[in-house]
Amino acid sequence: MEATTTTADRRKWSQSARPSAPRATLVRQYLSGWRGAKIYRVPLVDEKGVPVGNNGDRLMLLGTDVVFRDLGLSSCERPEDADLIVFASSGGMLEKMQRIPHLFRTLCAQFPATPMCVLPSSYLWGTRPFRGEIGQRTAPTVLFCREAHSFRHLTRDHGLAGVDPERIEDAGQSDDGVGVVLDPDMAFELESEAVVMDRRDAAQSTVVMVERTDVEHVSVGMNSKKLGVRKKIARYTPAWLKRAVYPAVNAARATRRTTFREHCEALLREHCPEAVDLKRDIADVSNVNTCSFESFCDRIAAARVVFTTRLHAGIFGAMLGRRTFVFEGSYHKVRGIYEMSMADRECVTFVSDRPAAEA
């Protein structure tokens, strides 16, 4: 791990986080071929029309908005009118999840002749073939992966065709009409946007510790049964009540000396001793019931050091040039995105007790 940090280090990280040129991604190359077409962007909402996801999903959504703006792409309101159906980036393309796979299966079945793509996401289908989710489509289906673990999972474990990056225009032209592409998380599209740029020079007066408490917590391991009564409470509690109650729940959690927090404190003493006396901001700021999106951005920006089990709290901290420790997740998502998009950033450290061969 890295040595003790200094003011010069922080200045260097902030400067190195500033992109020197516009991003050129395979997503942009692929979507540029759809200029002038009608594109339906699938809203990721539950059965009641309430958006699913967290503040990290908002970062990816805003990153997608940037691409649509830059390329001059046109959206339509109904999938029936679309020339292309686009699914947002997410961490929800998992067999054990419900809503996003259901939306994907449904639209694949309802519009088999309409080209479809899923923007950079993570995938994990452990017990049934992913090809079955796609069904009998006649139009191309392009699956963007935001890390190499998902790319290998779909191509090696499920036999789907990987796309040659030099021939992105041919994506989805394989014999079965499915193409798998590797490209970075959409949140990185925000690196030169105001949401990041306007906060880079914010005063750094706290140490942020972000620990998720849902099904992706390492101790839960994607097994929702381990959540017990928490799962039922979360599912049946109305959104307005969550927004009223969760801040108090989160405040109570912040007083507990969890294993995660003890690990953070040890790393802080070892690698960032100059920050030991700073105020602790301990909260799951990615949870929309605990923290608004603006507050999420502001609290990460106000940190000198960020410790997180939430991927996009780490991504946002990295884009800001903050000293960031990203912890291993319950499956390959966090490790994969660190390896692909953050490992070359000096301000970011990946924390894991799991050998790489087991990841």
Protein backbone atom coordinates (compact mmCIF):
# COMPACT_ATOMS: atom_id res chain seq x y z
CA MET A 1 0.00 0.00 0.00
CA GLU A 2 0.98 3.62 -0.41
CA ALA A 3 3.04 5.66 2.03
CA THR A 4 1.77 8.49 4.21
CA THR A 5 0.04 11.20 2.18
CA THR A 6 1.06 14.85 2.08
CA THR A 7 -0.45 18.12 0.91
CA ALA A 8 1.66 17.83 -2.24
CA ASP A 9 0.20 14.37 -2.86
CA ARG A 10 -3.35 15.69 -2.57
CA ARG A 11 -2.59 18.54 -4.97
CA LYS A 12 -1.07 16.11 -7.46
CA TRP A 13 -4.05 13.74 -7.24
CA SER A 14 -6.51 16.58 -7.78
CA GLN A 15 -4.60 17.72 -10.86
CA SER A 16 -4.18 14.19 -12.23
CA ALA A 17 -7.94 13.61 -11.90
CA ARG A 18 -8.60 16.33 -14.47
CA PRO A 19 -9.10 14.76 -17.93
CA SER A 20 -6.82 16.13 -20.64
CA ALA A 21 -9.05 15.25 -23.60
CA PRO A 22 -12.67 14.25 -24.36
CA ARG A 23 -13.42 10.61 -23.66
CA ALA A 24 -13.47 8.23 -26.61
CA THR A 25 -15.34 5.09 -25.60
CA LEU A 26 -16.86 2.15 -27.42
CA VAL A 27 -20.28 3.19 -26.09
CA ARG A 28 -19.83 6.54 -27.83
CA GLN A 29 -18.68 4.87 -31.03
CA TYR A 30 -21.63 2.48 -31.00
CA LEU A 31 -24.26 5.12 -30.21
CA SER A 32 -22.84 7.56 -32.76
CA GLY A 33 -24.20 5.19 -35.39
CA TRP A 34 -27.70 5.95 -34.11
CA ARG A 35 -27.70 9.70 -34.71
CA GLY A 36 -31.05 10.69 -36.15
CA ALA A 37 -32.72 7.54 -34.82
CA LYS A 38 -35.41 7.39 -32.14
CA ILE A 39 -33.95 5.90 -28.97
CA TYR A 40 -36.04 4.67 -26.06
CA ARG A 41 -34.17 4.89 -22.76
CA VAL A 42 -35.73 2.33 -20.44
CA PRO A 43 -36.68 3.95 -17.11
CA LEU A 44 -35.42 1.82 -14.25
CA VAL A 45 -38.46 2.01 -11.99
CA ASP A 46 -40.40 -0.40 -9.83
CA GLU A 47 -43.99 -1.55 -10.33
CA LYS A 48 -45.24 1.75 -8.86
CA GLY A 49 -43.06 3.88 -11.11
CA VAL A 50 -40.60 4.76 -8.33
CA PRO A 51 -36.96 4.85 -9.53
CA VAL A 52 -34.85 1.93 -8.34
CA GLY A 53 -31.22 2.38 -7.43
CA ASN A 54 -29.11 4.77 -5.40
CA ASN A 55 -26.99 7.88 -5.80
CA GLY A 56 -24.43 5.85 -7.72
CA ASP A 57 -27.11 5.02 -10.28
CA ARG A 58 -27.75 8.76 -10.58
CA LEU A 59 -24.08 9.27 -11.48
CA MET A 60 -24.37 6.68 -14.26
CA LEU A 61 -27.60 8.24 -15.50
CA LEU A 62 -26.01 11.69 -15.65
CA GLY A 63 -23.03 10.20 -17.47
CA THR A 64 -25.42 8.76 -20.04
CA ASP A 65 -27.06 12.18 -20.39
CA VAL A 66 -23.63 13.61 -21.24
CA VAL A 67 -23.12 11.08 -24.02
CA PHE A 68 -26.57 11.73 -25.49
CA ARG A 69 -25.91 15.47 -25.34
CA ASP A 70 -22.47 15.24 -26.93
CA LEU A 71 -23.63 12.96 -29.73
CA GLY A 72 -26.87 14.84 -30.37
CA LEU A 73 -28.98 11.72 -29.87
CA SER A 74 -32.78 11.82 -29.83
CA SER A 75 -35.00 10.05 -27.31
CA CYS A 76 -38.60 8.91 -27.67
CA GLU A 77 -41.24 8.27 -25.03
CA ARG A 78 -42.46 4.80 -26.05
CA PRO A 79 -40.60 1.60 -26.95
CA GLU A 80 -43.14 1.04 -29.73
CA ASP A 81 -41.74 4.10 -31.53
CA ALA A 82 -38.07 3.27 -31.03
CA ASP A 83 -35.38 2.36 -33.52
CA LEU A 84 -33.16 1.34 -30.59
CA ILE A 85 -33.99 0.38 -27.00
CA VAL A 86 -31.31 1.33 -24.46
CA PHE A 87 -31.05 0.00 -20.92
CA ALA A 88 -29.23 2.17 -18.42
CA SER A 89 -25.99 1.10 -16.78
CA SER A 90 -26.55 -0.65 -13.48
CA GLY A 91 -25.37 -3.22 -11.01
CA GLY A 92 -28.75 -4.92 -11.27
CA MET A 93 -28.17 -7.29 -14.20
CA LEU A 94 -27.87 -10.16 -11.76
CA GLU A 95 -29.82 -13.40 -11.69
CA LYS A 96 -30.58 -12.89 -7.98
CA MET A 97 -32.06 -9.45 -8.57
CA GLN A 98 -35.66 -9.04 -9.66
CA ARG A 99 -36.70 -5.76 -11.23
CA ILE A 100 -34.03 -5.05 -13.84
CA PRO A 101 -33.78 -8.63 -15.18
CA HIS A 102 -37.59 -8.67 -15.35
CA LEU A 103 -37.61 -5.44 -17.39
CA PHE A 104 -34.93 -6.84 -19.68
CA ARG A 105 -36.77 -10.14 -20.30
CA THR A 106 -40.06 -8.35 -20.85
CA LEU A 107 -38.77 -5.88 -23.44
CA CYS A 108 -36.75 -8.59 -25.20
CA ALA A 109 -39.96 -10.58 -25.59
CA GLN A 110 -42.22 -7.65 -26.50
CA PHE A 111 -39.90 -6.08 -29.09
CA PRO A 112 -37.86 -8.91 -30.61
CA ALA A 113 -37.35 -7.00 -33.87
CA THR A 114 -36.05 -3.79 -32.27
CA PRO A 115 -32.28 -3.50 -31.71
CA MET A 116 -31.38 -3.31 -28.05
CA CYS A 117 -28.32 -2.48 -25.98
CA VAL A 118 -27.49 -2.50 -22.30
CA LEU A 119 -25.04 0.25 -21.34
CA PRO A 120 -21.99 -0.76 -19.24
CA SER A 121 -23.24 -2.95 -16.42
CA SER A 122 -22.13 -5.86 -14.26
CA TYR A 123 -23.59 -9.32 -14.88
CA LEU A 124 -23.82 -12.50 -12.83
CA TRP A 125 -25.97 -15.45 -13.88
CA GLY A 126 -24.97 -18.49 -11.86
CA THR A 127 -27.69 -21.12 -12.30
CA ARG A 128 -29.35 -20.61 -15.68
CA PRO A 129 -28.14 -19.59 -19.16
CA PHE A 130 -28.17 -15.87 -19.83
CA ARG A 131 -29.14 -16.59 -23.44
CA GLY A 132 -32.53 -17.66 -22.13
CA GLU A 133 -33.16 -14.15 -20.81
CA ILE A 134 -32.84 -12.78 -24.34
CA GLY A 135 -35.26 -15.25 -25.90
CA GLN A 136 -36.03 -15.51 -29.61
CA ARG A 137 -34.96 -12.08 -30.79
CA THR A 138 -34.40 -11.28 -34.45
CA ALA A 139 -32.69 -7.91 -33.91
CA PRO A 140 -29.17 -7.40 -32.51
CA THR A 141 -28.66 -7.30 -28.75
CA VAL A 142 -25.49 -5.58 -27.50
CA LEU A 143 -24.39 -6.07 -23.90
CA PHE A 144 -21.79 -3.61 -22.62
CA CYS A 145 -19.80 -4.78 -19.58
CA ARG A 146 -18.11 -2.26 -17.31
CA GLU A 147 -15.44 -4.67 -16.09
CA ALA A 148 -13.56 -7.69 -17.42
CA HIS A 149 -15.03 -10.18 -14.92
CA SER A 150 -18.52 -9.70 -16.38
CA PHE A 151 -17.14 -9.79 -19.93
CA ARG A 152 -15.46 -13.15 -19.26
CA HIS A 153 -18.57 -14.40 -17.45
CA LEU A 154 -20.81 -13.75 -20.47
CA THR A 155 -18.34 -14.88 -23.14
CA ARG A 156 -16.62 -17.80 -21.41
CA ASP A 157 -19.31 -19.11 -19.04
CA HIS A 158 -22.34 -18.35 -21.22
CA GLY A 159 -20.82 -18.66 -24.68
CA LEU A 160 -21.87 -15.25 -25.97
CA ALA A 161 -19.80 -13.58 -28.67
CA GLY A 162 -17.28 -10.93 -27.67
CA VAL A 163 -17.04 -7.92 -29.99
CA ASP A 164 -13.77 -6.83 -31.59
CA PRO A 165 -13.19 -3.25 -30.33
CA GLU A 166 -11.93 -2.34 -33.80
CA ARG A 167 -15.26 -3.41 -35.30
CA ILE A 168 -17.77 -1.98 -32.85
CA GLU A 169 -20.09 -1.17 -35.74
CA ASP A 170 -20.57 -4.93 -36.15
CA ALA A 171 -21.73 -5.43 -32.55
CA GLY A 172 -24.63 -7.86 -32.41
CA GLN A 173 -23.96 -9.27 -35.89
CA SER A 174 -22.87 -12.70 -34.62
CA ASP A 175 -24.79 -15.84 -35.55
CA ASP A 176 -27.02 -15.57 -32.49
CA GLY A 177 -27.40 -11.79 -32.76
CA VAL A 178 -25.74 -11.06 -29.42
CA GLY A 179 -22.53 -9.10 -28.89
CA VAL A 180 -20.62 -8.46 -25.66
CA VAL A 181 -18.46 -5.33 -25.35
CA LEU A 182 -16.07 -4.16 -22.62
CA ASP A 183 -16.19 -0.43 -21.78
CA PRO A 184 -15.88 1.74 -18.62
CA ASP A 185 -18.64 2.61 -16.16
CA MET A 186 -20.79 5.49 -17.40
CA ALA A 187 -20.09 7.57 -14.27
CA PHE A 188 -16.62 8.35 -15.61
CA GLU A 189 -18.28 10.41 -18.35
CA LEU A 190 -18.77 13.07 -15.66
CA GLU A 191 -15.07 13.65 -15.04
CA SER A 192 -14.96 16.93 -16.94
CA GLU A 193 -18.52 17.99 -16.05
CA ALA A 194 -19.62 20.58 -13.50
CA VAL A 195 -20.83 18.00 -10.98
CA VAL A 196 -17.18 17.01 -10.53
CA MET A 197 -15.20 20.06 -11.66
CA ASP A 198 -17.05 22.49 -9.39
CA ARG A 199 -16.23 20.37 -6.33
CA ARG A 200 -12.58 19.51 -6.93
CA ASP A 201 -11.27 22.42 -4.88
CA ALA A 202 -13.76 22.08 -2.02
CA ALA A 203 -12.34 22.26 1.51
CA GLN A 204 -11.38 18.77 2.71
CA SER A 205 -12.32 18.65 6.38
CA THR A 206 -13.71 15.16 7.05
CA VAL A 207 -13.04 11.46 6.78
CA VAL A 208 -15.98 9.75 5.08
CA MET A 209 -16.81 6.11 5.84
CA VAL A 210 -19.50 4.59 3.63
CA GLU A 211 -20.70 1.09 4.50
CA ARG A 212 -23.64 -0.43 2.68
CA THR A 213 -26.10 -2.52 4.68
CA ASP A 214 -28.07 -4.25 1.92
CA VAL A 215 -27.80 -7.53 0.02
CA GLU A 216 -24.40 -6.56 -1.43
CA HIS A 217 -22.75 -6.25 1.99
CA VAL A 218 -19.82 -8.67 2.12
CA SER A 219 -21.31 -10.50 5.12
CA VAL A 220 -24.58 -11.05 3.22
CA GLY A 221 -22.92 -12.30 0.05
CA MET A 222 -25.89 -11.62 -2.26
CA ASN A 223 -28.03 -13.99 -0.17
CA SER A 224 -31.11 -11.92 0.66
CA LYS A 225 -32.24 -14.52 3.21
CA LYS A 226 -29.43 -13.33 5.46
CA LEU A 227 -31.09 -9.93 5.66
CA GLY A 228 -33.92 -11.52 7.61
CA VAL A 229 -36.55 -9.07 8.81
CA ARG A 230 -34.61 -6.14 7.29
CA LYS A 231 -35.60 -7.30 3.80
CA LYS A 232 -39.32 -7.36 4.61
CA ILE A 233 -39.20 -4.00 6.35
CA ALA A 234 -37.39 -2.40 3.42
CA ARG A 235 -39.76 -3.91 0.86
CA TYR A 236 -43.02 -2.90 2.52
CA THR A 237 -42.07 0.45 4.04
CA PRO A 238 -43.37 3.34 1.88
CA ALA A 239 -40.78 5.70 0.43
CA TRP A 240 -42.00 8.71 2.42
CA LEU A 241 -41.56 6.81 5.69
CA LYS A 242 -38.10 5.59 4.69
CA ARG A 243 -37.01 9.17 4.06
CA ALA A 244 -38.31 10.15 7.49
CA VAL A 245 -36.89 7.21 9.45
CA TYR A 246 -33.67 6.18 7.69
CA PRO A 247 -31.59 9.23 8.75
CA ALA A 248 -32.21 8.34 12.40
CA VAL A 249 -31.41 4.70 11.73
CA ASN A 250 -28.25 5.73 9.94
CA ALA A 251 -27.22 7.99 12.84
CA ALA A 252 -27.60 5.07 15.23
CA ARG A 253 -25.50 2.85 12.97
CA ALA A 254 -22.79 5.51 12.87
CA THR A 255 -22.20 5.06 16.60
CA ARG A 256 -21.38 1.37 16.23
CA ARG A 257 -17.76 0.22 15.98
CA THR A 258 -18.24 -2.22 13.12
CA THR A 259 -15.47 -4.38 11.67
CA PHE A 260 -15.46 -2.12 8.63
CA ARG A 261 -15.01 1.01 10.73
CA GLU A 262 -12.20 -0.57 12.77
CA HIS A 263 -10.45 -1.48 9.52
CA CYS A 264 -10.86 2.08 8.25
CA GLU A 265 -9.41 3.56 11.42
CA ALA A 266 -6.38 1.27 11.20
CA LEU A 267 -5.77 2.21 7.56
CA LEU A 268 -6.20 5.88 8.41
CA ARG A 269 -3.57 5.74 11.16
CA GLU A 270 -1.17 3.85 8.91
CA HIS A 271 -1.52 5.74 5.63
CA CYS A 272 -3.13 9.10 6.38
CA PRO A 273 -2.03 10.11 9.90
CA GLU A 274 -2.49 13.78 9.06
CA ALA A 275 -6.25 13.10 8.78
CA VAL A 276 -6.70 11.17 12.03
CA ASP A 277 -8.05 14.18 13.93
CA LEU A 278 -10.56 15.18 11.27
CA LYS A 279 -14.30 14.81 11.84
CA ARG A 280 -15.77 11.45 10.88
CA ASP A 281 -18.72 11.44 8.47
CA ILE A 282 -20.10 7.92 8.84
CA ALA A 283 -23.14 7.25 6.67
CA ASP A 284 -24.37 5.22 3.72
CA VAL A 285 -24.47 8.36 1.59
CA SER A 286 -25.32 6.32 -1.51
CA ASN A 287 -28.70 5.39 -0.05
CA VAL A 288 -31.27 7.87 -1.37
CA ASN A 289 -33.36 7.44 1.78
CA THR A 290 -30.41 8.65 3.84
CA CYS A 291 -28.83 11.25 1.60
CA SER A 292 -29.89 13.36 -1.37
CA PHE A 293 -27.79 13.30 -4.53
CA GLU A 294 -26.47 16.83 -3.99
CA SER A 295 -25.55 15.99 -0.42
CA PHE A 296 -23.87 12.77 -1.59
CA CYS A 297 -21.66 14.79 -3.94
CA ASP A 298 -20.94 17.51 -1.38
CA ARG A 299 -20.05 15.10 1.43
CA ILE A 300 -17.64 13.12 -0.73
CA ALA A 301 -16.11 16.40 -1.93
CA ALA A 302 -15.68 17.57 1.68
CA ALA A 303 -13.62 14.50 2.55
CA ARG A 304 -9.86 14.36 2.72
CA VAL A 305 -10.10 10.56 2.87
CA VAL A 306 -12.90 8.30 1.61
CA PHE A 307 -13.40 4.72 2.83
CA THR A 308 -16.22 2.91 1.06
CA THR A 309 -17.90 -0.38 0.31
CA ARG A 310 -20.13 1.55 -2.11
CA LEU A 311 -18.59 1.49 -5.58
CA HIS A 312 -19.75 4.89 -6.80
CA ALA A 313 -18.79 6.70 -3.62
CA GLY A 314 -15.32 5.44 -4.50
CA ILE A 315 -15.64 6.43 -8.16
CA PHE A 316 -16.76 9.94 -7.23
CA GLY A 317 -13.94 10.27 -4.71
CA ALA A 318 -11.46 9.09 -7.34
CA MET A 319 -12.72 11.59 -9.93
CA LEU A 320 -12.31 14.34 -7.34
CA GLY A 321 -8.76 13.21 -6.60
CA ARG A 322 -9.55 12.36 -2.96
CA ARG A 323 -7.53 9.72 -1.12
CA THR A 324 -9.90 6.80 -1.59
CA PHE A 325 -9.97 3.28 -0.17
CA VAL A 326 -12.41 1.02 -2.05
CA PHE A 327 -13.34 -2.20 -0.28
CA GLU A 328 -14.03 -5.59 -1.87
CA GLY A 329 -17.69 -6.31 -2.58
CA SER A 330 -19.79 -9.46 -2.35
CA TYR A 331 -19.19 -10.30 -6.03
CA HIS A 332 -16.84 -9.21 -8.81
CA LYS A 333 -18.27 -5.74 -9.51
CA VAL A 334 -16.09 -3.60 -7.26
CA ARG A 335 -12.86 -5.49 -7.90
CA GLY A 336 -13.48 -5.51 -11.65
CA ILE A 337 -14.14 -1.78 -11.95
CA TYR A 338 -11.17 -0.98 -9.75
CA GLU A 339 -8.93 -3.11 -11.98
CA MET A 340 -10.26 -1.62 -15.20
CA SER A 341 -10.79 2.03 -14.34
CA MET A 342 -9.14 2.99 -11.04
CA ALA A 343 -6.01 0.90 -10.55
CA ASP A 344 -3.87 3.48 -12.35
CA ARG A 345 -5.05 6.32 -10.10
CA GLU A 346 -2.48 6.96 -7.39
CA CYS A 347 -5.09 8.23 -4.95
CA VAL A 348 -7.07 4.96 -4.96
CA THR A 349 -6.33 1.79 -2.99
CA PHE A 350 -8.29 -1.46 -3.28
CA VAL A 351 -8.82 -3.20 0.06
CA SER A 352 -9.52 -6.93 0.18
CA ASP A 353 -8.84 -9.91 2.40
CA ARG A 354 -9.71 -12.19 -0.50
CA PRO A 355 -6.93 -13.64 -2.69
CA ALA A 356 -7.19 -12.50 -6.32
CA ALA A 357 -7.63 -16.11 -7.48
CA GLU A 358 -10.85 -16.36 -5.46
CA ALA A 359 -12.37 -13.13 -6.80
